[in-house]
Amino acid sequence: MTLEPREFLAKMEQRMLFNDEDKAALQANADWGKQIAPEMTDHFYEFLNRDEEMANILNQKDGRMERLRATFTEWFSEMFTGMDDWGDAYAVRRWRIGLVHVKLGIGPQHVVPAMATVAREVDNKIKAEGKDDAVNDALSKICMIDLAFIEQAYVEVSSSAVQKETGWSEALFRRMIATGANSM
């Protein structure tokens, strides 16, 4: 079950209907995205730090919060530029970000609500500044694609770990999951 980042990105772009018009809308607003990135970083981490469990994870090591804030600011700006037109480098970076979330224990149950907060704040800014709704639509799509990378990282790491520890094949593992889901 080894994920190939570029293939995963292409599949998510297709599913989300993320197209050239979306990319153009984001790139046309790249300076604006970079400008608001620090503010969106504040909203994201203010939300996460309200949760005791997340605050402990985020502040567990000296300098972690500063590194995470810098990464989020950069990540937010990159959604507007696509780094390499949403190619290999973009896909690999999103995959690595997903793996870091797994490593640190920042699960989807934390990230998704925090990103919803950021999405609301971006929507408020777009409306207040009279920006085109196409920017918001495109940003929503790429944000969901990026969140899919984080969620998929949890799936890939978990299934790989179970298979390694048990010696189970991928087919057996998938069958057991399906059977377990059917019994719930």
C-alpha atoms as a PDB file:
ATOM      1  CA  MET A   1       0.000   0.000   0.000  1.00  0.00           C
ATOM      2  CA  THR A   2       2.770   2.423  -0.734  1.00  0.00           C
ATOM      3  CA  LEU A   3       1.324   5.736  -1.806  1.00  0.00           C
ATOM      4  CA  GLU A   4       2.796   7.440  -4.865  1.00  0.00           C
ATOM      5  CA  PRO A   5       2.304  11.154  -4.104  1.00  0.00           C
ATOM      6  CA  ARG A   6       1.936  12.416  -7.687  1.00  0.00           C
ATOM      7  CA  GLU A   7      -0.612   9.736  -8.576  1.00  0.00           C
ATOM      8  CA  PHE A   8      -2.554  10.475  -5.399  1.00  0.00           C
ATOM      9  CA  LEU A   9      -2.557  14.205  -6.182  1.00  0.00           C
ATOM     10  CA  ALA A  10      -3.789  13.566  -9.733  1.00  0.00           C
ATOM     11  CA  LYS A  11      -6.583  11.344  -8.415  1.00  0.00           C
ATOM     12  CA  MET A  12      -7.618  13.955  -5.841  1.00  0.00           C
ATOM     13  CA  GLU A  13      -7.543  16.746  -8.437  1.00  0.00           C
ATOM     14  CA  GLN A  14      -9.881  14.697 -10.594  1.00  0.00           C
ATOM     15  CA  ARG A  15     -12.222  13.898  -7.708  1.00  0.00           C
ATOM     16  CA  MET A  16     -12.322  17.497  -6.503  1.00  0.00           C
ATOM     17  CA  LEU A  17     -12.650  18.896 -10.046  1.00  0.00           C
ATOM     18  CA  PHE A  18      -9.555  21.016  -9.358  1.00  0.00           C
ATOM     19  CA  ASN A  19      -8.754  22.374 -12.816  1.00  0.00           C
ATOM     20  CA  ASP A  20      -6.678  24.918 -14.728  1.00  0.00           C
ATOM     21  CA  GLU A  21      -9.159  27.701 -13.943  1.00  0.00           C
ATOM     22  CA  ASP A  22      -8.768  26.989 -10.225  1.00  0.00           C
ATOM     23  CA  LYS A  23      -4.995  27.018 -10.553  1.00  0.00           C
ATOM     24  CA  ALA A  24      -5.093  30.317 -12.442  1.00  0.00           C
ATOM     25  CA  ALA A  25      -7.370  31.883  -9.809  1.00  0.00           C
ATOM     26  CA  LEU A  26      -4.991  30.848  -7.041  1.00  0.00           C
ATOM     27  CA  GLN A  27      -1.848  31.918  -8.864  1.00  0.00           C
ATOM     28  CA  ALA A  28      -3.390  35.294  -9.694  1.00  0.00           C
ATOM     29  CA  ASN A  29      -3.865  35.787  -5.946  1.00  0.00           C
ATOM     30  CA  ALA A  30      -0.531  34.345  -4.791  1.00  0.00           C
ATOM     31  CA  ASP A  31       0.668  37.660  -3.336  1.00  0.00           C
ATOM     32  CA  TRP A  32      -2.578  38.012  -1.406  1.00  0.00           C
ATOM     33  CA  GLY A  33      -2.253  34.425  -0.155  1.00  0.00           C
ATOM     34  CA  LYS A  34       1.262  35.120   1.068  1.00  0.00           C
ATOM     35  CA  GLN A  35       0.072  38.320   2.727  1.00  0.00           C
ATOM     36  CA  ILE A  36      -2.720  36.633   4.704  1.00  0.00           C
ATOM     37  CA  ALA A  37      -0.789  33.431   5.489  1.00  0.00           C
ATOM     38  CA  PRO A  38       0.527  34.651   8.874  1.00  0.00           C
ATOM     39  CA  GLU A  39      -2.986  35.670   9.955  1.00  0.00           C
ATOM     40  CA  MET A  40      -4.382  32.275   8.895  1.00  0.00           C
ATOM     41  CA  THR A  41      -1.545  30.617  10.815  1.00  0.00           C
ATOM     42  CA  ASP A  42      -2.668  32.512  13.918  1.00  0.00           C
ATOM     43  CA  HIS A  43      -6.253  31.321  13.488  1.00  0.00           C
ATOM     44  CA  PHE A  44      -5.145  27.714  12.947  1.00  0.00           C
ATOM     45  CA  TYR A  45      -2.921  27.508  16.022  1.00  0.00           C
ATOM     46  CA  GLU A  46      -5.218  29.560  18.253  1.00  0.00           C
ATOM     47  CA  PHE A  47      -7.902  26.992  17.510  1.00  0.00           C
ATOM     48  CA  LEU A  48      -5.614  24.015  18.118  1.00  0.00           C
ATOM     49  CA  ASN A  49      -4.141  25.440  21.311  1.00  0.00           C
ATOM     50  CA  ARG A  50      -7.614  25.655  22.863  1.00  0.00           C
ATOM     51  CA  ASP A  51      -7.631  21.851  22.957  1.00  0.00           C
ATOM     52  CA  GLU A  52      -5.557  20.560  25.893  1.00  0.00           C
ATOM     53  CA  GLU A  53      -4.419  17.427  24.064  1.00  0.00           C
ATOM     54  CA  MET A  54      -3.264  19.418  21.030  1.00  0.00           C
ATOM     55  CA  ALA A  55      -1.654  22.138  23.115  1.00  0.00           C
ATOM     56  CA  ASN A  56       0.446  19.456  24.811  1.00  0.00           C
ATOM     57  CA  ILE A  57       1.531  18.004  21.468  1.00  0.00           C
ATOM     58  CA  LEU A  58       2.264  21.398  19.927  1.00  0.00           C
ATOM     59  CA  ASN A  59       4.249  22.689  22.882  1.00  0.00           C
ATOM     60  CA  GLN A  60       5.918  19.418  23.903  1.00  0.00           C
ATOM     61  CA  LYS A  61       9.381  20.417  22.679  1.00  0.00           C
ATOM     62  CA  ASP A  62      11.134  23.761  22.674  1.00  0.00           C
ATOM     63  CA  GLY A  63      10.874  25.388  19.280  1.00  0.00           C
ATOM     64  CA  ARG A  64       8.242  22.985  17.917  1.00  0.00           C
ATOM     65  CA  MET A  65       5.494  25.580  17.804  1.00  0.00           C
ATOM     66  CA  GLU A  66       7.698  28.051  15.962  1.00  0.00           C
ATOM     67  CA  ARG A  67       8.665  25.418  13.383  1.00  0.00           C
ATOM     68  CA  LEU A  68       5.058  24.341  12.917  1.00  0.00           C
ATOM     69  CA  ARG A  69       3.900  27.928  12.514  1.00  0.00           C
ATOM     70  CA  ALA A  70       6.582  28.580   9.889  1.00  0.00           C
ATOM     71  CA  THR A  71       5.622  25.407   8.045  1.00  0.00           C
ATOM     72  CA  PHE A  72       1.914  26.274   8.107  1.00  0.00           C
ATOM     73  CA  THR A  73       2.568  29.777   6.778  1.00  0.00           C
ATOM     74  CA  GLU A  74       4.641  28.343   3.952  1.00  0.00           C
ATOM     75  CA  TRP A  75       2.088  25.588   3.288  1.00  0.00           C
ATOM     76  CA  PHE A  76      -0.742  28.106   3.087  1.00  0.00           C
ATOM     77  CA  SER A  77       1.173  30.256   0.577  1.00  0.00           C
ATOM     78  CA  GLU A  78       2.080  27.202  -1.498  1.00  0.00           C
ATOM     79  CA  MET A  79      -1.580  26.382  -2.052  1.00  0.00           C
ATOM     80  CA  PHE A  80      -1.745  29.585  -4.111  1.00  0.00           C
ATOM     81  CA  THR A  81       1.421  29.002  -6.123  1.00  0.00           C
ATOM     82  CA  GLY A  82       1.348  25.238  -6.540  1.00  0.00           C
ATOM     83  CA  MET A  83       5.155  25.346  -6.105  1.00  0.00           C
ATOM     84  CA  ASP A  84       5.728  23.538  -9.411  1.00  0.00           C
ATOM     85  CA  ASP A  85       2.251  23.965 -10.900  1.00  0.00           C
ATOM     86  CA  TRP A  86       0.883  21.328  -8.537  1.00  0.00           C
ATOM     87  CA  GLY A  87       3.370  18.747  -9.791  1.00  0.00           C
ATOM     88  CA  ASP A  88       5.805  16.289  -8.235  1.00  0.00           C
ATOM     89  CA  ALA A  89       7.355  18.663  -5.698  1.00  0.00           C
ATOM     90  CA  TYR A  90       3.953  19.813  -4.485  1.00  0.00           C
ATOM     91  CA  ALA A  91       2.708  16.230  -4.135  1.00  0.00           C
ATOM     92  CA  VAL A  92       5.813  15.013  -2.307  1.00  0.00           C
ATOM     93  CA  ARG A  93       5.734  17.974   0.071  1.00  0.00           C
ATOM     94  CA  ARG A  94       2.060  17.335   0.900  1.00  0.00           C
ATOM     95  CA  TRP A  95       2.798  13.670   1.524  1.00  0.00           C
ATOM     96  CA  ARG A  96       5.668  14.570   3.871  1.00  0.00           C
ATOM     97  CA  ILE A  97       3.435  17.011   5.720  1.00  0.00           C
ATOM     98  CA  GLY A  98       0.915  14.193   6.179  1.00  0.00           C
ATOM     99  CA  LEU A  99       3.623  11.917   7.560  1.00  0.00           C
ATOM    100  CA  VAL A 100       4.733  14.607  10.028  1.00  0.00           C
ATOM    101  CA  HIS A 101       1.152  14.880  11.271  1.00  0.00           C
ATOM    102  CA  VAL A 102       1.144  11.126  11.898  1.00  0.00           C
ATOM    103  CA  LYS A 103       4.527  11.247  13.619  1.00  0.00           C
ATOM    104  CA  LEU A 104       3.470  14.059  15.949  1.00  0.00           C
ATOM    105  CA  GLY A 105       0.027  12.604  16.642  1.00  0.00           C
ATOM    106  CA  ILE A 106      -1.883  15.482  15.068  1.00  0.00           C
ATOM    107  CA  GLY A 107      -4.845  13.514  13.791  1.00  0.00           C
ATOM    108  CA  PRO A 108      -7.573  14.412  11.338  1.00  0.00           C
ATOM    109  CA  GLN A 109      -9.940  14.949  14.282  1.00  0.00           C
ATOM    110  CA  HIS A 110      -7.779  17.959  15.132  1.00  0.00           C
ATOM    111  CA  VAL A 111      -6.705  19.188  11.708  1.00  0.00           C
ATOM    112  CA  VAL A 112     -10.081  19.131   9.963  1.00  0.00           C
ATOM    113  CA  PRO A 113     -11.890  21.402  12.464  1.00  0.00           C
ATOM    114  CA  ALA A 114      -8.879  23.716  12.612  1.00  0.00           C
ATOM    115  CA  MET A 115      -8.847  23.961   8.822  1.00  0.00           C
ATOM    116  CA  ALA A 116     -12.584  24.633   8.845  1.00  0.00           C
ATOM    117  CA  THR A 117     -11.818  27.609  11.075  1.00  0.00           C
ATOM    118  CA  VAL A 118      -9.199  28.831   8.600  1.00  0.00           C
ATOM    119  CA  ALA A 119     -11.634  28.330   5.701  1.00  0.00           C
ATOM    120  CA  ARG A 120     -14.216  30.507   7.490  1.00  0.00           C
ATOM    121  CA  GLU A 121     -11.625  33.204   8.111  1.00  0.00           C
ATOM    122  CA  VAL A 122     -10.490  33.128   4.472  1.00  0.00           C
ATOM    123  CA  ASP A 123     -14.118  33.356   3.367  1.00  0.00           C
ATOM    124  CA  ASN A 124     -14.604  36.381   5.639  1.00  0.00           C
ATOM    125  CA  LYS A 125     -11.499  38.056   4.158  1.00  0.00           C
ATOM    126  CA  ILE A 126     -12.575  37.324   0.610  1.00  0.00           C
ATOM    127  CA  LYS A 127     -15.982  38.874   1.243  1.00  0.00           C
ATOM    128  CA  ALA A 128     -14.560  41.866   3.142  1.00  0.00           C
ATOM    129  CA  GLU A 129     -12.045  42.577   0.388  1.00  0.00           C
ATOM    130  CA  GLY A 130     -14.467  41.987  -2.470  1.00  0.00           C
ATOM    131  CA  LYS A 131     -12.446  39.166  -3.996  1.00  0.00           C
ATOM    132  CA  ASP A 132     -13.920  36.838  -6.579  1.00  0.00           C
ATOM    133  CA  ASP A 133     -15.646  33.718  -5.270  1.00  0.00           C
ATOM    134  CA  ALA A 134     -13.497  31.700  -7.698  1.00  0.00           C
ATOM    135  CA  VAL A 135     -10.551  32.229  -5.350  1.00  0.00           C
ATOM    136  CA  ASN A 136     -12.498  30.804  -2.425  1.00  0.00           C
ATOM    137  CA  ASP A 137     -13.754  27.867  -4.487  1.00  0.00           C
ATOM    138  CA  ALA A 138     -10.284  27.029  -5.759  1.00  0.00           C
ATOM    139  CA  LEU A 139      -8.718  27.378  -2.326  1.00  0.00           C
ATOM    140  CA  SER A 140     -11.396  25.150  -0.820  1.00  0.00           C
ATOM    141  CA  LYS A 141     -10.647  22.457  -3.391  1.00  0.00           C
ATOM    142  CA  ILE A 142      -6.880  22.459  -2.935  1.00  0.00           C
ATOM    143  CA  CYS A 143      -7.242  22.616   0.832  1.00  0.00           C
ATOM    144  CA  MET A 144      -9.431  19.500   0.780  1.00  0.00           C
ATOM    145  CA  ILE A 145      -6.863  17.778  -1.434  1.00  0.00           C
ATOM    146  CA  ASP A 146      -4.133  18.665   1.056  1.00  0.00           C
ATOM    147  CA  LEU A 147      -6.270  17.369   3.927  1.00  0.00           C
ATOM    148  CA  ALA A 148      -6.752  14.134   1.994  1.00  0.00           C
ATOM    149  CA  PHE A 149      -2.962  13.707   2.050  1.00  0.00           C
ATOM    150  CA  ILE A 150      -2.977  13.976   5.848  1.00  0.00           C
ATOM    151  CA  GLU A 151      -5.801  11.490   6.241  1.00  0.00           C
ATOM    152  CA  GLN A 152      -4.225   9.098   3.750  1.00  0.00           C
ATOM    153  CA  ALA A 153      -0.942   9.272   5.651  1.00  0.00           C
ATOM    154  CA  TYR A 154      -2.735   7.884   8.705  1.00  0.00           C
ATOM    155  CA  VAL A 155      -4.236   5.072   6.638  1.00  0.00           C
ATOM    156  CA  GLU A 156      -0.947   4.189   4.951  1.00  0.00           C
ATOM    157  CA  VAL A 157       1.174   4.308   8.113  1.00  0.00           C
ATOM    158  CA  SER A 158      -1.349   2.344  10.173  1.00  0.00           C
ATOM    159  CA  SER A 159      -1.913  -0.380   7.610  1.00  0.00           C
ATOM    160  CA  SER A 160       1.791  -0.689   6.874  1.00  0.00           C
ATOM    161  CA  ALA A 161       2.602  -1.005  10.578  1.00  0.00           C
ATOM    162  CA  VAL A 162      -0.045  -3.686  11.138  1.00  0.00           C
ATOM    163  CA  GLN A 163       1.081  -5.641   8.092  1.00  0.00           C
ATOM    164  CA  LYS A 164       4.729  -5.445   9.140  1.00  0.00           C
ATOM    165  CA  GLU A 165       4.018  -6.522  12.722  1.00  0.00           C
ATOM    166  CA  THR A 166       1.663  -9.347  11.794  1.00  0.00           C
ATOM    167  CA  GLY A 167       3.030 -10.518   8.461  1.00  0.00           C
ATOM    168  CA  TRP A 168      -0.444 -10.173   6.954  1.00  0.00           C
ATOM    169  CA  SER A 169      -0.780  -9.549   3.240  1.00  0.00           C
ATOM    170  CA  GLU A 170      -2.439  -6.386   2.010  1.00  0.00           C
ATOM    171  CA  ALA A 171      -5.392  -8.419   0.729  1.00  0.00           C
ATOM    172  CA  LEU A 172      -5.901 -10.080   4.122  1.00  0.00           C
ATOM    173  CA  PHE A 173      -5.626  -6.742   5.893  1.00  0.00           C
ATOM    174  CA  ARG A 174      -8.214  -5.113   3.615  1.00  0.00           C
ATOM    175  CA  ARG A 175     -10.549  -8.089   4.031  1.00  0.00           C
ATOM    176  CA  MET A 176     -10.267  -7.871   7.811  1.00  0.00           C
ATOM    177  CA  ILE A 177     -11.041  -4.160   7.759  1.00  0.00           C
ATOM    178  CA  ALA A 178     -14.083  -4.718   5.559  1.00  0.00           C
ATOM    179  CA  THR A 179     -15.263  -7.533   7.815  1.00  0.00           C
ATOM    180  CA  GLY A 180     -14.740  -5.387  10.898  1.00  0.00           C
ATOM    181  CA  ALA A 181     -16.586  -2.454   9.349  1.00  0.00           C
ATOM    182  CA  ASN A 182     -19.488  -4.719   8.437  1.00  0.00           C
ATOM    183  CA  SER A 183     -19.788  -5.852  12.053  1.00  0.00           C
ATOM    184  CA  MET A 184     -20.120  -2.323  13.431  1.00  0.00           C
END
